[in-house]
């Protein structure tokens, strides 16, 4: 259990805006581990929410590939490729933490709209989604030196672009 806490703690600190990607080791093994964890939790969430099979199976891989390509192109374009491993590790590790919170919320959110607590669950889900954008902005601030709100705007642009890609490939979710 202590090993798991040691592994997860740096990502919790990043999500809490108390550490940046520079506090992570530049390790290909750790990056592969968090990418696998990110895809697994994303896929579990898609399956738990009864998302149609092609979308449920492909979106976790598409998300991982587009995030990796986006952050890689951004950092390489800025001449900061030496920060790439740590940045990608931070992005995917933070996603694991946030998806671990948002998947149960999404499952509870499928209840009847008038059910007790449905409004609270919807509000908490929105807060987690906004916090996710803030975490990406925080990571970009540390990795690329952008002001926090510029990083958040870039993260929002990526999120909107990914949603557009999802809809273009699989249509509007039902």
C-alpha atoms as a PDB file:
ATOM      1  CA  UNK A   1       0.000   0.000   0.000  1.00  0.00           C
ATOM      2  CA  UNK A   2       2.863   2.343   0.824  1.00  0.00           C
ATOM      3  CA  UNK A   3       4.283   1.857  -2.698  1.00  0.00           C
ATOM      4  CA  UNK A   4       0.949   2.864  -4.233  1.00  0.00           C
ATOM      5  CA  UNK A   5       0.792   5.986  -2.057  1.00  0.00           C
ATOM      6  CA  UNK A   6       4.365   6.840  -3.047  1.00  0.00           C
ATOM      7  CA  UNK A   7       3.440   6.434  -6.723  1.00  0.00           C
ATOM      8  CA  UNK A   8       0.191   8.446  -6.569  1.00  0.00           C
ATOM      9  CA  UNK A   9       1.306  11.259  -4.222  1.00  0.00           C
ATOM     10  CA  UNK A  10       3.182  13.351  -6.838  1.00  0.00           C
ATOM     11  CA  UNK A  11       0.109  13.340  -9.091  1.00  0.00           C
ATOM     12  CA  UNK A  12      -2.138  14.367  -6.209  1.00  0.00           C
ATOM     13  CA  UNK A  13       0.236  17.263  -5.548  1.00  0.00           C
ATOM     14  CA  UNK A  14       0.070  18.274  -9.216  1.00  0.00           C
ATOM     15  CA  UNK A  15      -3.739  18.129  -9.185  1.00  0.00           C
ATOM     16  CA  UNK A  16      -3.668  20.257  -6.017  1.00  0.00           C
ATOM     17  CA  UNK A  17      -1.374  22.785  -7.797  1.00  0.00           C
ATOM     18  CA  UNK A  18       1.344  22.174  -5.193  1.00  0.00           C
ATOM     19  CA  UNK A  19       3.900  20.594  -7.536  1.00  0.00           C
ATOM     20  CA  UNK A  20       4.696  20.749 -11.210  1.00  0.00           C
ATOM     21  CA  UNK A  21       5.920  18.281 -13.798  1.00  0.00           C
ATOM     22  CA  UNK A  22       9.504  19.164 -12.911  1.00  0.00           C
ATOM     23  CA  UNK A  23       8.988  17.257  -9.640  1.00  0.00           C
ATOM     24  CA  UNK A  24       8.540  13.996 -11.560  1.00  0.00           C
ATOM     25  CA  UNK A  25      11.377  11.836 -12.852  1.00  0.00           C
ATOM     26  CA  UNK A  26      12.019  11.886 -16.596  1.00  0.00           C
ATOM     27  CA  UNK A  27      11.244   8.190 -16.923  1.00  0.00           C
ATOM     28  CA  UNK A  28       9.911   6.397 -19.988  1.00  0.00           C
ATOM     29  CA  UNK A  29       8.791   3.526 -17.757  1.00  0.00           C
ATOM     30  CA  UNK A  30       6.739   5.835 -15.524  1.00  0.00           C
ATOM     31  CA  UNK A  31       5.248   7.524 -18.597  1.00  0.00           C
ATOM     32  CA  UNK A  32       4.257   4.130 -20.047  1.00  0.00           C
ATOM     33  CA  UNK A  33       2.748   3.156 -16.695  1.00  0.00           C
ATOM     34  CA  UNK A  34       0.615   6.296 -16.404  1.00  0.00           C
ATOM     35  CA  UNK A  35      -0.477   6.137 -20.067  1.00  0.00           C
ATOM     36  CA  UNK A  36      -1.612   2.538 -19.503  1.00  0.00           C
ATOM     37  CA  UNK A  37      -3.419   3.613 -16.334  1.00  0.00           C
ATOM     38  CA  UNK A  38      -5.020   6.559 -18.125  1.00  0.00           C
ATOM     39  CA  UNK A  39      -6.304   4.359 -20.947  1.00  0.00           C
ATOM     40  CA  UNK A  40      -7.544   1.692 -18.500  1.00  0.00           C
ATOM     41  CA  UNK A  41      -9.507   4.098 -16.312  1.00  0.00           C
ATOM     42  CA  UNK A  42     -10.887   5.957 -19.338  1.00  0.00           C
ATOM     43  CA  UNK A  43     -11.990   2.652 -20.909  1.00  0.00           C
ATOM     44  CA  UNK A  44     -13.545   1.436 -17.651  1.00  0.00           C
ATOM     45  CA  UNK A  45     -15.505   4.672 -17.436  1.00  0.00           C
ATOM     46  CA  UNK A  46     -16.726   4.365 -21.016  1.00  0.00           C
ATOM     47  CA  UNK A  47     -17.844   0.775 -20.472  1.00  0.00           C
ATOM     48  CA  UNK A  48     -19.496   1.591 -17.131  1.00  0.00           C
ATOM     49  CA  UNK A  49     -21.482   4.351 -18.824  1.00  0.00           C
ATOM     50  CA  UNK A  50     -22.637   1.959 -21.588  1.00  0.00           C
ATOM     51  CA  UNK A  51     -21.040   4.001 -24.352  1.00  0.00           C
ATOM     52  CA  UNK A  52     -21.395   2.319 -27.763  1.00  0.00           C
ATOM     53  CA  UNK A  53     -18.551  -0.159 -28.396  1.00  0.00           C
ATOM     54  CA  UNK A  54     -16.633   1.572 -31.200  1.00  0.00           C
ATOM     55  CA  UNK A  55     -16.572   4.881 -29.315  1.00  0.00           C
ATOM     56  CA  UNK A  56     -15.967   3.253 -25.908  1.00  0.00           C
ATOM     57  CA  UNK A  57     -12.945   1.312 -27.111  1.00  0.00           C
ATOM     58  CA  UNK A  58     -11.378   3.926 -29.372  1.00  0.00           C
ATOM     59  CA  UNK A  59     -11.806   7.147 -27.349  1.00  0.00           C
ATOM     60  CA  UNK A  60      -9.289   6.231 -24.614  1.00  0.00           C
ATOM     61  CA  UNK A  61      -6.625   5.514 -27.241  1.00  0.00           C
ATOM     62  CA  UNK A  62      -7.582   8.553 -29.309  1.00  0.00           C
ATOM     63  CA  UNK A  63      -7.411  10.766 -26.227  1.00  0.00           C
ATOM     64  CA  UNK A  64      -3.988   9.429 -25.253  1.00  0.00           C
ATOM     65  CA  UNK A  65      -2.647   9.835 -28.795  1.00  0.00           C
ATOM     66  CA  UNK A  66      -4.022  13.346 -29.301  1.00  0.00           C
ATOM     67  CA  UNK A  67      -2.819  14.576 -25.911  1.00  0.00           C
ATOM     68  CA  UNK A  68       0.632  13.118 -26.505  1.00  0.00           C
ATOM     69  CA  UNK A  69       0.801  14.657 -29.993  1.00  0.00           C
ATOM     70  CA  UNK A  70      -0.549  18.027 -28.830  1.00  0.00           C
ATOM     71  CA  UNK A  71       1.783  18.462 -25.848  1.00  0.00           C
ATOM     72  CA  UNK A  72       4.726  17.094 -27.829  1.00  0.00           C
ATOM     73  CA  UNK A  73       4.150  19.525 -30.711  1.00  0.00           C
ATOM     74  CA  UNK A  74       3.665  22.419 -28.293  1.00  0.00           C
ATOM     75  CA  UNK A  75       6.829  21.767 -26.296  1.00  0.00           C
ATOM     76  CA  UNK A  76       8.935  20.931 -29.342  1.00  0.00           C
ATOM     77  CA  UNK A  77       7.657  24.052 -31.085  1.00  0.00           C
ATOM     78  CA  UNK A  78       8.847  26.068 -28.086  1.00  0.00           C
ATOM     79  CA  UNK A  79      12.207  24.268 -28.056  1.00  0.00           C
ATOM     80  CA  UNK A  80      11.447  22.605 -24.714  1.00  0.00           C
ATOM     81  CA  UNK A  81      11.658  18.946 -25.744  1.00  0.00           C
ATOM     82  CA  UNK A  82      13.786  18.154 -22.674  1.00  0.00           C
ATOM     83  CA  UNK A  83      10.645  18.706 -20.562  1.00  0.00           C
ATOM     84  CA  UNK A  84       8.469  16.380 -22.629  1.00  0.00           C
ATOM     85  CA  UNK A  85       8.704  13.147 -20.580  1.00  0.00           C
ATOM     86  CA  UNK A  86       7.908  14.876 -17.306  1.00  0.00           C
ATOM     87  CA  UNK A  87       5.114  16.942 -18.849  1.00  0.00           C
ATOM     88  CA  UNK A  88       3.391  13.983 -20.474  1.00  0.00           C
ATOM     89  CA  UNK A  89       3.787  11.982 -17.267  1.00  0.00           C
ATOM     90  CA  UNK A  90       2.182  14.838 -15.315  1.00  0.00           C
ATOM     91  CA  UNK A  91      -0.679  15.201 -17.815  1.00  0.00           C
ATOM     92  CA  UNK A  92      -1.584  11.504 -17.879  1.00  0.00           C
ATOM     93  CA  UNK A  93      -1.007  11.016 -14.147  1.00  0.00           C
ATOM     94  CA  UNK A  94      -3.263  13.963 -13.321  1.00  0.00           C
ATOM     95  CA  UNK A  95      -5.864  12.555 -15.710  1.00  0.00           C
ATOM     96  CA  UNK A  96      -5.801   9.270 -13.779  1.00  0.00           C
ATOM     97  CA  UNK A  97      -6.516  11.109 -10.528  1.00  0.00           C
ATOM     98  CA  UNK A  98      -9.284  13.240 -12.026  1.00  0.00           C
ATOM     99  CA  UNK A  99     -10.885  10.364 -13.965  1.00  0.00           C
ATOM    100  CA  UNK A 100     -10.890   8.285 -10.789  1.00  0.00           C
ATOM    101  CA  UNK A 101     -13.097  11.017  -9.296  1.00  0.00           C
ATOM    102  CA  UNK A 102     -15.191  11.786 -12.379  1.00  0.00           C
ATOM    103  CA  UNK A 103     -16.152   8.219 -13.379  1.00  0.00           C
ATOM    104  CA  UNK A 104     -18.126   7.539 -10.163  1.00  0.00           C
ATOM    105  CA  UNK A 105     -19.691  10.990 -10.480  1.00  0.00           C
ATOM    106  CA  UNK A 106     -20.761  10.196 -14.032  1.00  0.00           C
ATOM    107  CA  UNK A 107     -22.283   6.911 -12.866  1.00  0.00           C
ATOM    108  CA  UNK A 108     -24.256   8.702 -10.155  1.00  0.00           C
ATOM    109  CA  UNK A 109     -25.163  11.414 -12.649  1.00  0.00           C
ATOM    110  CA  UNK A 110     -27.102   8.944 -14.801  1.00  0.00           C
ATOM    111  CA  UNK A 111     -29.890   8.960 -12.201  1.00  0.00           C
ATOM    112  CA  UNK A 112     -33.198  10.705 -12.868  1.00  0.00           C
ATOM    113  CA  UNK A 113     -32.778  14.490 -13.195  1.00  0.00           C
ATOM    114  CA  UNK A 114     -35.262  15.131 -10.372  1.00  0.00           C
ATOM    115  CA  UNK A 115     -33.696  12.580  -8.020  1.00  0.00           C
ATOM    116  CA  UNK A 116     -32.336  13.839  -4.705  1.00  0.00           C
ATOM    117  CA  UNK A 117     -28.768  14.982  -5.082  1.00  0.00           C
ATOM    118  CA  UNK A 118     -28.816  15.052  -8.902  1.00  0.00           C
ATOM    119  CA  UNK A 119     -28.128  18.801  -8.935  1.00  0.00           C
ATOM    120  CA  UNK A 120     -25.240  18.428  -6.505  1.00  0.00           C
ATOM    121  CA  UNK A 121     -23.715  15.630  -8.583  1.00  0.00           C
ATOM    122  CA  UNK A 122     -24.066  17.722 -11.757  1.00  0.00           C
ATOM    123  CA  UNK A 123     -22.418  20.701 -10.035  1.00  0.00           C
ATOM    124  CA  UNK A 124     -19.542  18.589  -8.670  1.00  0.00           C
ATOM    125  CA  UNK A 125     -19.041  17.060 -12.139  1.00  0.00           C
ATOM    126  CA  UNK A 126     -18.755  20.541 -13.660  1.00  0.00           C
ATOM    127  CA  UNK A 127     -16.300  21.578 -10.937  1.00  0.00           C
ATOM    128  CA  UNK A 128     -14.131  18.504 -11.644  1.00  0.00           C
ATOM    129  CA  UNK A 129     -14.181  19.283 -15.388  1.00  0.00           C
ATOM    130  CA  UNK A 130     -13.170  22.900 -14.743  1.00  0.00           C
ATOM    131  CA  UNK A 131     -10.511  21.769 -12.261  1.00  0.00           C
ATOM    132  CA  UNK A 132      -9.133  19.488 -14.976  1.00  0.00           C
ATOM    133  CA  UNK A 133      -8.644  22.506 -17.245  1.00  0.00           C
ATOM    134  CA  UNK A 134      -6.955  24.303 -14.362  1.00  0.00           C
ATOM    135  CA  UNK A 135      -4.608  21.378 -13.788  1.00  0.00           C
ATOM    136  CA  UNK A 136      -3.604  21.366 -17.473  1.00  0.00           C
ATOM    137  CA  UNK A 137      -3.051  25.131 -17.236  1.00  0.00           C
ATOM    138  CA  UNK A 138      -0.909  24.586 -14.137  1.00  0.00           C
ATOM    139  CA  UNK A 139       1.147  21.920 -15.914  1.00  0.00           C
ATOM    140  CA  UNK A 140       1.623  24.185 -18.947  1.00  0.00           C
ATOM    141  CA  UNK A 141       2.672  27.055 -16.678  1.00  0.00           C
ATOM    142  CA  UNK A 142       5.449  24.922 -15.254  1.00  0.00           C
ATOM    143  CA  UNK A 143       6.408  23.116 -18.465  1.00  0.00           C
ATOM    144  CA  UNK A 144       6.256  25.972 -20.977  1.00  0.00           C
ATOM    145  CA  UNK A 145       6.344  29.094 -18.829  1.00  0.00           C
ATOM    146  CA  UNK A 146       2.914  30.293 -19.949  1.00  0.00           C
ATOM    147  CA  UNK A 147       0.851  32.396 -17.571  1.00  0.00           C
ATOM    148  CA  UNK A 148      -1.678  30.195 -15.777  1.00  0.00           C
ATOM    149  CA  UNK A 149      -4.710  31.545 -17.619  1.00  0.00           C
ATOM    150  CA  UNK A 150      -3.001  31.145 -21.006  1.00  0.00           C
ATOM    151  CA  UNK A 151      -2.359  27.506 -20.098  1.00  0.00           C
ATOM    152  CA  UNK A 152      -6.016  27.103 -19.124  1.00  0.00           C
ATOM    153  CA  UNK A 153      -7.098  28.697 -22.423  1.00  0.00           C
ATOM    154  CA  UNK A 154      -4.827  26.318 -24.343  1.00  0.00           C
ATOM    155  CA  UNK A 155      -6.257  23.364 -22.380  1.00  0.00           C
ATOM    156  CA  UNK A 156      -9.788  24.566 -23.136  1.00  0.00           C
ATOM    157  CA  UNK A 157      -8.915  24.835 -26.829  1.00  0.00           C
ATOM    158  CA  UNK A 158      -7.575  21.286 -26.800  1.00  0.00           C
ATOM    159  CA  UNK A 159     -10.707  20.036 -24.999  1.00  0.00           C
ATOM    160  CA  UNK A 160     -13.035  21.689 -27.513  1.00  0.00           C
ATOM    161  CA  UNK A 161     -10.924  20.350 -30.393  1.00  0.00           C
ATOM    162  CA  UNK A 162     -11.053  16.837 -28.954  1.00  0.00           C
ATOM    163  CA  UNK A 163     -14.830  17.037 -28.540  1.00  0.00           C
ATOM    164  CA  UNK A 164     -15.125  18.172 -32.173  1.00  0.00           C
ATOM    165  CA  UNK A 165     -12.924  15.241 -33.262  1.00  0.00           C
ATOM    166  CA  UNK A 166     -15.053  12.822 -31.220  1.00  0.00           C
ATOM    167  CA  UNK A 167     -18.274  14.130 -32.801  1.00  0.00           C
ATOM    168  CA  UNK A 168     -16.751  14.102 -36.290  1.00  0.00           C
ATOM    169  CA  UNK A 169     -15.688  10.469 -35.911  1.00  0.00           C
ATOM    170  CA  UNK A 170     -18.579   8.995 -33.932  1.00  0.00           C
ATOM    171  CA  UNK A 171     -21.454  11.472 -34.132  1.00  0.00           C
ATOM    172  CA  UNK A 172     -23.241  13.161 -31.255  1.00  0.00           C
ATOM    173  CA  UNK A 173     -23.305  11.010 -28.104  1.00  0.00           C
ATOM    174  CA  UNK A 174     -26.766   9.762 -27.240  1.00  0.00           C
END
